Amino acid sequence: MEPGSRRVSPPGCAFRDWRLRRKAYVGPMAARTVRKALYWTEKRWDRVRFRIKRKLDMLGTPILLPFAGMAGAEGVWIRGRVIEDNGAISAPPTRSLFENIKLTFKRYETDEIADARIFWEIGDKKGETRTDIEGYFDLLIDIDPESLDKPVDFARIELGKAPGYERAQAPIGAELPIRVVSSRAEYGVISDIDDTIVETGAFNLVKHWRTVVANSAETRTAFPGVSHFYRALARGADGAMTNPVFYVSSSPWNLYDLFERFLVIHDIPRGPLFLKDFGLDATKWLTGGHDGHKTKQIERIFRAYPHLNFLLIGDSGQDDGRIYADIAAAHPGRVLQVHIRDVTKGILKSHITNGIDELRALNIPVTLAPTLYEAARAAGDAGLITEAEVAEVRADVAERERRGEAPE
């Protein structure tokens, strides 16, 4: 090229470059605009519908749904929801496919009660909060966990909703359980739910929704060895619930009561559940990202119990290995072991091993296997559970497989 001359683009090239840049910018911007518009429309419709129902005296009976909270270094965290009772929560257990599909629809098609006044009382402290547009309340109460009654696995906080959202509505109340961790706890456990303790096929969208929609807590399948392994991990110097177990999942809060019942039915240690809001808001479609949610909630648990180290348990279907590797790198020394159930049967090898090498480079014991027996054996080798407890897990896995009861 001659000095002083300038490059001349071929005819139409500059236009194509501009069009590509415009497409790269306009596409995401258009999606955000559409999402915000839909969110605004949905919220507006919810308010209008609520006013119409109240004016016509068609509001249903409100129910207060408490979600198990936790008492930690930052205080006592509580969360719950107020919705109109559509019969889904109080419905008796059923194995009917039609009834389960109908109840699942009701769980997702909720009529939330916004701006409901919630009164809480714990010990000698009292306070008030209000529900948001989706009917949720979420509160961190500044209270020293040591002031709660001991010894106790779950404390209780009294909740009451003030009348006023509809005419002649009597106050309602509920007890919200709070996980109080023993001072003799040796470690904590943070576990996924979907395809870790219960079969849902979360990595297969069609299978996942078929399982979620068509099954109740009674008809869902627990993986072999899970109950024995989790009970062994939770057992300690203060009894069966010495070491706390927390459940972090990308499933929506709408399924909270199903998971709670599932834990009880299969004798799996109870613990606070950290689920996701299901629905549209100004920043996300439906439930938002899986990774960001799990990381945020695990970080919250780590802050609540800075004196505890944790075992992290998940599955290969949703990149839990990578999430746990990032957590381990951000919190050196606080991740004792990582156990991943391989739910893909060798499919997507590069995906299921994400984070595994990084975890091992940090000298963190890792297992990747179809059942949790390998995890139990690693925990036994580290002295976290006894050899007898490892044998119980192995026997349960073998027996369930012999009877053909193990999930696919």
Protein backbone atom coordinates (compact mmCIF):
# COMPACT_ATOMS: atom_id res chain seq x y z
CA MET A 1 0.00 0.00 0.00
CA GLU A 2 1.33 3.44 -0.95
CA PRO A 3 2.26 5.80 1.90
CA GLY A 4 -0.57 8.18 2.70
CA SER A 5 -3.17 6.03 1.01
CA ARG A 6 -6.01 4.41 2.92
CA ARG A 7 -7.53 0.98 2.69
CA VAL A 8 -10.78 0.88 0.75
CA SER A 9 -13.23 -1.82 1.77
CA PRO A 10 -14.95 -3.80 -0.97
CA PRO A 11 -18.40 -2.51 -1.87
CA GLY A 12 -20.97 -3.56 0.71
CA CYS A 13 -18.37 -4.73 3.26
CA ALA A 14 -18.84 -1.80 5.63
CA PHE A 15 -22.60 -2.27 5.49
CA ARG A 16 -22.29 -5.98 6.32
CA ASP A 17 -19.96 -5.21 9.27
CA TRP A 18 -22.43 -2.64 10.57
CA ARG A 19 -25.31 -5.08 10.15
CA LEU A 20 -23.47 -7.81 12.08
CA ARG A 21 -22.59 -5.41 14.91
CA ARG A 22 -26.17 -4.19 15.01
CA LYS A 23 -27.47 -7.76 15.11
CA ALA A 24 -25.12 -8.67 17.98
CA TYR A 25 -26.38 -5.68 19.97
CA VAL A 26 -30.04 -5.56 18.98
CA GLY A 27 -30.71 -9.27 19.58
CA PRO A 28 -30.02 -9.29 23.36
CA MET A 29 -31.52 -5.81 23.71
CA ALA A 30 -34.74 -6.95 22.03
CA ALA A 31 -34.90 -10.00 24.31
CA ARG A 32 -34.49 -7.80 27.38
CA THR A 33 -37.18 -5.44 26.12
CA VAL A 34 -39.62 -8.27 25.47
CA ARG A 35 -38.88 -9.83 28.88
CA LYS A 36 -39.43 -6.55 30.71
CA ALA A 37 -42.64 -5.91 28.80
CA LEU A 38 -43.97 -9.38 29.61
CA TYR A 39 -42.95 -8.99 33.25
CA TRP A 40 -44.71 -5.62 33.50
CA THR A 41 -47.82 -7.04 31.84
CA GLU A 42 -47.87 -10.06 34.16
CA LYS A 43 -47.50 -7.95 37.29
CA ARG A 44 -50.13 -5.50 36.12
CA TRP A 45 -52.54 -8.33 35.41
CA ASP A 46 -51.88 -9.87 38.83
CA ARG A 47 -52.78 -6.58 40.53
CA VAL A 48 -55.91 -6.06 38.43
CA ARG A 49 -57.06 -9.65 38.97
CA PHE A 50 -56.49 -9.34 42.72
CA ARG A 51 -58.57 -6.12 42.91
CA ILE A 52 -61.40 -7.65 40.87
CA LYS A 53 -61.50 -10.78 43.01
CA ARG A 54 -61.49 -8.73 46.21
CA LYS A 55 -64.26 -6.45 44.94
CA LEU A 56 -66.41 -9.43 43.96
CA ASP A 57 -65.62 -11.20 47.25
CA MET A 58 -64.06 -14.10 45.34
CA LEU A 59 -60.73 -14.31 47.16
CA GLY A 60 -59.85 -17.76 48.39
CA THR A 61 -58.75 -18.74 51.87
CA PRO A 62 -55.16 -17.64 52.48
CA ILE A 63 -52.55 -20.12 53.67
CA LEU A 64 -49.14 -19.32 55.10
CA LEU A 65 -46.42 -21.66 53.84
CA PRO A 66 -43.29 -21.64 56.06
CA PHE A 67 -39.98 -22.88 54.61
CA ALA A 68 -37.35 -24.26 57.01
CA GLY A 69 -34.82 -21.57 57.96
CA MET A 70 -31.40 -21.62 59.58
CA ALA A 71 -29.65 -19.97 62.52
CA GLY A 72 -26.07 -18.95 61.74
CA ALA A 73 -23.39 -16.33 62.24
CA GLU A 74 -25.37 -13.68 60.35
CA GLY A 75 -28.56 -14.27 62.32
CA VAL A 76 -31.72 -16.27 61.70
CA TRP A 77 -32.84 -16.56 58.08
CA ILE A 78 -36.53 -17.23 57.46
CA ARG A 79 -38.56 -17.50 54.27
CA GLY A 80 -42.14 -18.38 53.41
CA ARG A 81 -45.08 -17.55 51.20
CA VAL A 82 -48.73 -16.54 51.42
CA ILE A 83 -51.04 -17.82 48.69
CA GLU A 84 -54.70 -18.62 48.21
CA ASP A 85 -55.47 -22.22 49.08
CA ASN A 86 -56.21 -24.11 45.85
CA GLY A 87 -56.12 -27.54 47.48
CA ALA A 88 -52.68 -28.64 46.23
CA ILE A 89 -50.84 -28.41 49.56
CA SER A 90 -53.54 -30.10 51.64
CA ALA A 91 -54.35 -32.82 49.07
CA PRO A 92 -53.97 -36.40 50.37
CA PRO A 93 -51.24 -38.58 48.84
CA THR A 94 -52.24 -40.27 45.60
CA ARG A 95 -50.72 -42.59 43.04
CA SER A 96 -53.21 -41.56 40.38
CA LEU A 97 -51.44 -40.18 37.29
CA PHE A 98 -54.36 -37.86 36.51
CA GLU A 99 -54.55 -36.51 40.08
CA ASN A 100 -50.79 -35.90 40.23
CA ILE A 101 -50.84 -33.99 36.95
CA LYS A 102 -53.74 -31.88 38.22
CA LEU A 103 -52.00 -31.17 41.55
CA THR A 104 -48.75 -30.25 39.79
CA PHE A 105 -50.63 -27.73 37.64
CA LYS A 106 -52.16 -26.23 40.78
CA ARG A 107 -48.74 -25.94 42.43
CA TYR A 108 -47.45 -23.83 39.56
CA GLU A 109 -50.67 -21.89 38.93
CA THR A 110 -50.76 -20.17 42.32
CA ASP A 111 -52.66 -17.03 43.31
CA GLU A 112 -50.16 -15.10 45.40
CA ILE A 113 -51.09 -12.62 48.11
CA ALA A 114 -48.84 -9.57 47.89
CA ASP A 115 -48.20 -7.07 50.69
CA ALA A 116 -49.55 -9.40 53.38
CA ARG A 117 -48.33 -8.38 56.84
CA ILE A 118 -46.35 -11.16 58.51
CA PHE A 119 -45.69 -11.00 62.24
CA TRP A 120 -42.90 -13.13 63.66
CA GLU A 121 -41.85 -13.99 67.19
CA ILE A 122 -38.80 -15.92 68.38
CA GLY A 123 -37.62 -15.92 71.98
CA ASP A 124 -38.11 -12.43 73.34
CA LYS A 125 -37.89 -10.79 69.91
CA LYS A 126 -40.81 -9.78 67.71
CA GLY A 127 -41.12 -8.08 64.37
CA GLU A 128 -43.07 -7.62 61.18
CA THR A 129 -42.42 -7.96 57.46
CA ARG A 130 -44.50 -8.00 54.28
CA THR A 131 -44.80 -10.31 51.32
CA ASP A 132 -43.54 -9.24 47.89
CA ILE A 133 -45.44 -9.26 44.59
CA GLU A 134 -45.07 -13.07 44.36
CA GLY A 135 -46.32 -13.60 47.92
CA TYR A 136 -42.88 -14.39 49.38
CA PHE A 137 -41.28 -13.00 52.51
CA ASP A 138 -37.54 -13.36 53.04
CA LEU A 139 -35.92 -12.00 56.18
CA LEU A 140 -32.64 -12.13 58.09
CA ILE A 141 -33.29 -11.55 61.80
CA ASP A 142 -30.44 -10.16 63.87
CA ILE A 143 -30.40 -12.66 66.71
CA ASP A 144 -27.60 -14.70 68.31
CA PRO A 145 -28.15 -18.43 67.61
CA GLU A 146 -26.67 -19.16 71.04
CA SER A 147 -29.72 -17.51 72.61
CA LEU A 148 -32.02 -20.17 71.16
CA ASP A 149 -33.03 -23.09 73.33
CA LYS A 150 -30.46 -25.90 73.44
CA PRO A 151 -30.14 -28.78 72.83
CA VAL A 152 -32.38 -28.66 69.76
CA ASP A 153 -32.16 -29.65 66.10
CA PHE A 154 -34.95 -27.37 64.92
CA ALA A 155 -36.15 -24.33 66.83
CA ARG A 156 -39.57 -22.84 66.08
CA ILE A 157 -40.54 -19.34 65.09
CA GLU A 158 -44.16 -18.27 65.39
CA LEU A 159 -45.66 -16.59 62.33
CA GLY A 160 -48.96 -14.78 62.07
CA LYS A 161 -50.59 -12.93 59.17
CA ALA A 162 -52.64 -9.88 59.99
CA PRO A 163 -56.18 -9.57 58.60
CA GLY A 164 -56.95 -6.90 56.06
CA TYR A 165 -56.21 -8.33 52.62
CA GLU A 166 -59.88 -9.30 52.39
CA ARG A 167 -62.99 -8.56 54.37
CA ALA A 168 -63.76 -10.58 57.48
CA GLN A 169 -60.57 -12.60 57.15
CA ALA A 170 -59.37 -14.06 60.45
CA PRO A 171 -55.63 -14.06 61.25
CA ILE A 172 -53.72 -17.18 60.29
CA GLY A 173 -50.51 -18.56 61.73
CA ALA A 174 -47.84 -21.21 61.33
CA GLU A 175 -44.67 -22.51 62.90
CA LEU A 176 -41.47 -22.13 60.90
CA PRO A 177 -38.68 -24.60 61.76
CA ILE A 178 -35.16 -23.19 62.10
CA ARG A 179 -32.09 -25.44 61.84
CA VAL A 180 -29.95 -24.90 64.94
CA VAL A 181 -26.51 -26.46 64.53
CA SER A 182 -24.87 -28.24 67.45
CA SER A 183 -21.63 -26.80 68.77
CA ARG A 184 -20.30 -30.37 68.52
CA ALA A 185 -20.92 -30.63 64.77
CA GLU A 186 -17.76 -31.79 62.98
CA TYR A 187 -18.75 -30.72 59.46
CA GLY A 188 -21.75 -29.91 57.28
CA VAL A 189 -23.21 -31.44 54.13
CA ILE A 190 -24.51 -29.51 51.12
CA SER A 191 -26.44 -31.68 48.69
CA ASP A 192 -28.24 -31.26 45.41
CA ILE A 193 -31.70 -32.86 45.16
CA ASP A 194 -32.55 -33.65 41.53
CA ASP A 195 -30.78 -36.82 40.39
CA THR A 196 -28.64 -36.78 43.53
CA ILE A 197 -31.08 -38.11 46.12
CA VAL A 198 -34.24 -38.40 44.00
CA GLU A 199 -34.59 -39.48 40.39
CA THR A 200 -35.90 -36.65 38.21
CA GLY A 201 -33.87 -36.86 34.98
CA ALA A 202 -32.98 -33.17 35.30
CA PHE A 203 -30.39 -33.46 32.52
CA ASN A 204 -33.11 -34.76 30.17
CA LEU A 205 -35.79 -32.09 29.82
CA VAL A 206 -38.55 -34.41 28.56
CA LYS A 207 -37.91 -37.08 31.20
CA HIS A 208 -37.54 -34.43 33.90
CA TRP A 209 -40.91 -32.81 33.29
CA ARG A 210 -42.60 -36.18 32.89
CA THR A 211 -41.23 -37.20 36.30
CA VAL A 212 -42.01 -33.88 37.99
CA VAL A 213 -45.53 -33.55 36.61
CA ALA A 214 -46.70 -37.14 36.96
CA ASN A 215 -45.31 -38.13 40.38
CA SER A 216 -46.07 -37.35 44.01
CA ALA A 217 -43.65 -37.56 46.94
CA GLU A 218 -44.85 -41.11 47.54
CA THR A 219 -44.19 -42.29 43.97
CA ARG A 220 -40.78 -40.70 43.52
CA THR A 221 -37.73 -42.94 43.82
CA ALA A 222 -34.81 -42.46 46.19
CA PHE A 223 -31.46 -43.66 44.91
CA PRO A 224 -29.95 -46.78 46.53
CA GLY A 225 -27.85 -46.08 49.61
CA VAL A 226 -28.86 -42.42 49.92
CA SER A 227 -30.85 -42.74 53.15
CA HIS A 228 -28.14 -44.78 54.90
CA PHE A 229 -25.31 -42.53 53.70
CA TYR A 230 -26.95 -39.24 54.66
CA ARG A 231 -28.01 -40.54 58.07
CA ALA A 232 -24.43 -41.69 58.69
CA LEU A 233 -23.06 -38.27 57.72
CA ALA A 234 -25.55 -36.43 59.96
CA ARG A 235 -24.93 -38.64 63.00
CA GLY A 236 -22.48 -37.33 65.60
CA ALA A 237 -21.73 -36.65 69.24
CA ASP A 238 -25.11 -34.98 69.83
CA GLY A 239 -27.18 -37.66 68.13
CA ALA A 240 -28.77 -38.29 64.76
CA MET A 241 -28.83 -34.64 63.62
CA THR A 242 -25.47 -33.43 64.91
CA ASN A 243 -23.97 -32.55 61.52
CA PRO A 244 -26.29 -30.31 59.47
CA VAL A 245 -27.46 -31.17 55.96
CA PHE A 246 -28.53 -28.43 53.53
CA TYR A 247 -30.25 -28.99 50.20
CA VAL A 248 -29.54 -26.63 47.28
CA SER A 249 -31.51 -27.21 44.09
CA SER A 250 -32.66 -25.39 40.96
CA SER A 251 -36.15 -26.79 41.43
CA PRO A 252 -38.80 -24.15 42.21
CA TRP A 253 -40.22 -23.30 45.62
CA ASN A 254 -43.58 -24.55 44.31
CA LEU A 255 -42.31 -28.10 44.95
CA TYR A 256 -41.13 -27.45 48.52
CA ASP A 257 -43.82 -29.55 50.23
CA LEU A 258 -43.10 -32.51 47.91
CA PHE A 259 -39.40 -32.49 48.77
CA GLU A 260 -40.14 -32.15 52.50
CA ARG A 261 -42.45 -35.16 52.38
CA PHE A 262 -39.95 -37.10 50.30
CA LEU A 263 -37.23 -36.62 52.94
CA VAL A 264 -39.57 -37.84 55.68
CA ILE A 265 -40.88 -40.83 53.69
CA HIS A 266 -37.36 -42.08 52.89
CA ASP A 267 -35.90 -41.28 56.32
CA ILE A 268 -33.36 -38.82 54.91
CA PRO A 269 -32.16 -36.14 57.37
CA ARG A 270 -34.20 -32.96 57.11
CA GLY A 271 -32.55 -29.63 56.53
CA PRO A 272 -33.19 -26.19 55.03
CA LEU A 273 -33.98 -26.25 51.31
CA PHE A 274 -32.65 -23.52 49.02
CA LEU A 275 -34.83 -23.59 45.93
CA LYS A 276 -35.55 -21.06 43.16
CA ASP A 277 -38.30 -18.66 42.26
CA PHE A 278 -40.21 -20.01 39.29
CA GLY A 279 -41.46 -17.29 37.00
CA LEU A 280 -40.60 -14.28 34.96
CA ASP A 281 -38.98 -11.14 36.32
CA ALA A 282 -37.27 -8.09 34.86
CA THR A 283 -33.84 -9.78 34.71
CA LYS A 284 -34.49 -13.46 33.88
CA TRP A 285 -36.73 -15.91 32.05
CA LEU A 286 -38.52 -18.39 34.29
CA THR A 287 -35.97 -19.60 36.88
CA GLY A 288 -32.73 -18.03 35.62
CA GLY A 289 -29.34 -19.76 35.56
CA HIS A 290 -28.49 -22.95 37.46
CA ASP A 291 -24.86 -22.13 38.24
CA GLY A 292 -25.46 -18.66 39.66
CA HIS A 293 -28.24 -19.84 41.95
CA LYS A 294 -26.29 -22.77 43.42
CA THR A 295 -23.14 -20.72 43.92
CA LYS A 296 -25.05 -17.92 45.67
CA GLN A 297 -26.82 -20.28 48.08
CA ILE A 298 -23.68 -22.28 48.90
CA GLU A 299 -21.87 -19.02 49.63
CA ARG A 300 -24.72 -18.06 51.96
CA ILE A 301 -24.36 -21.34 53.88
CA PHE A 302 -20.57 -20.93 54.11
CA ARG A 303 -21.03 -17.43 55.59
CA ALA A 304 -23.60 -18.68 58.08
CA TYR A 305 -21.23 -21.34 59.45
CA PRO A 306 -17.67 -20.05 59.10
CA HIS A 307 -16.40 -22.63 61.62
CA LEU A 308 -17.59 -25.62 59.58
CA ASN A 309 -16.07 -27.38 56.60
CA PHE A 310 -18.37 -29.15 54.13
CA LEU A 311 -18.90 -32.20 51.97
CA LEU A 312 -20.49 -31.27 48.64
CA ILE A 313 -22.70 -33.85 46.91
CA GLY A 314 -24.22 -33.48 43.45
CA ASP A 315 -24.65 -35.12 40.07
CA SER A 316 -23.11 -34.99 36.62
CA GLY A 317 -26.26 -33.82 34.86
CA GLN A 318 -26.00 -30.10 35.69
CA ASP A 319 -22.29 -29.32 35.95
CA ASP A 320 -22.11 -29.62 39.76
CA GLY A 321 -18.42 -30.60 39.54
CA ARG A 322 -17.52 -27.26 37.98
CA ILE A 323 -19.62 -25.31 40.50
CA TYR A 324 -18.04 -27.15 43.44
CA ALA A 325 -14.53 -26.63 42.03
CA ASP A 326 -15.14 -22.88 41.88
CA ILE A 327 -16.42 -22.92 45.47
CA ALA A 328 -13.39 -24.91 46.66
CA ALA A 329 -11.00 -22.50 44.94
CA ALA A 330 -12.75 -19.50 46.51
CA HIS A 331 -12.72 -21.08 50.01
CA PRO A 332 -9.40 -22.91 50.48
CA GLY A 333 -9.55 -25.71 53.03
CA ARG A 334 -13.31 -25.61 53.56
CA VAL A 335 -14.35 -28.35 51.14
CA LEU A 336 -13.58 -31.75 52.67
CA GLN A 337 -14.82 -34.00 49.89
CA VAL A 338 -16.86 -33.81 46.67
CA HIS A 339 -19.10 -36.66 45.50
CA ILE A 340 -20.75 -36.67 42.08
CA ARG A 341 -23.34 -39.21 40.95
CA ASP A 342 -22.81 -40.06 37.29
CA VAL A 343 -26.36 -39.95 35.92
CA THR A 344 -25.40 -39.84 32.23
CA LYS A 345 -23.92 -43.37 31.95
CA GLY A 346 -20.81 -42.15 30.23
CA ILE A 347 -22.59 -39.82 27.81
CA LEU A 348 -20.98 -36.38 27.45
CA LYS A 349 -17.69 -37.45 29.04
CA SER A 350 -16.17 -33.98 28.73
CA HIS A 351 -19.17 -32.52 30.55
CA ILE A 352 -19.43 -34.90 33.50
CA THR A 353 -15.75 -34.53 34.37
CA ASN A 354 -15.87 -30.73 34.46
CA GLY A 355 -14.10 -29.50 37.59
CA ILE A 356 -12.89 -32.96 38.67
CA ASP A 357 -9.22 -32.36 37.81
CA GLU A 358 -9.29 -28.93 39.46
CA LEU A 359 -10.71 -30.43 42.66
CA ARG A 360 -8.06 -33.15 42.74
CA ALA A 361 -5.35 -30.55 42.13
CA LEU A 362 -6.58 -28.93 45.35
CA ASN A 363 -6.07 -32.31 47.12
CA ILE A 364 -9.81 -32.71 47.65
CA PRO A 365 -11.04 -36.33 47.53
CA VAL A 366 -13.53 -36.73 44.67
CA THR A 367 -15.74 -39.63 43.63
CA LEU A 368 -17.63 -39.99 40.34
CA ALA A 369 -19.83 -43.09 40.27
CA PRO A 370 -23.41 -44.23 39.47
CA THR A 371 -24.19 -44.85 43.17
CA LEU A 372 -23.07 -43.24 46.41
CA TYR A 373 -21.25 -46.36 47.65
CA GLU A 374 -17.90 -44.99 46.45
CA ALA A 375 -18.72 -41.75 48.28
CA ALA A 376 -19.49 -43.67 51.47
CA ARG A 377 -16.23 -45.58 51.18
CA ALA A 378 -14.27 -42.32 50.76
CA ALA A 379 -16.04 -40.85 53.80
CA GLY A 380 -15.21 -43.99 55.75
CA ASP A 381 -11.55 -43.80 54.74
CA ALA A 382 -11.46 -40.22 56.05
CA GLY A 383 -13.02 -41.27 59.37
CA LEU A 384 -16.20 -39.25 58.77
CA ILE A 385 -18.43 -42.32 59.08
CA THR A 386 -17.80 -45.79 60.48
CA GLU A 387 -16.95 -48.95 58.56
CA ALA A 388 -20.26 -50.43 59.73
CA GLU A 389 -22.09 -47.48 58.15
CA VAL A 390 -20.16 -47.94 54.91
CA ALA A 391 -21.24 -51.59 54.92
CA GLU A 392 -24.89 -50.53 55.38
CA VAL A 393 -24.70 -48.32 52.30
CA ARG A 394 -23.11 -51.12 50.28
CA ALA A 395 -25.72 -53.64 51.42
CA ASP A 396 -28.61 -51.30 50.55
CA VAL A 397 -27.20 -50.62 47.07
CA ALA A 398 -26.71 -54.33 46.43
CA GLU A 399 -30.16 -55.29 47.71
CA ARG A 400 -31.97 -52.58 45.75
CA GLU A 401 -30.17 -53.58 42.58
CA ARG A 402 -30.89 -57.27 43.21
CA ARG A 403 -34.62 -56.52 43.53
CA GLY A 404 -34.52 -54.31 40.46
CA GLU A 405 -35.62 -51.27 42.47
CA ALA A 406 -32.73 -49.04 41.54
CA PRO A 407 -33.67 -46.13 39.27
CA GLU A 408 -32.72 -46.40 35.62
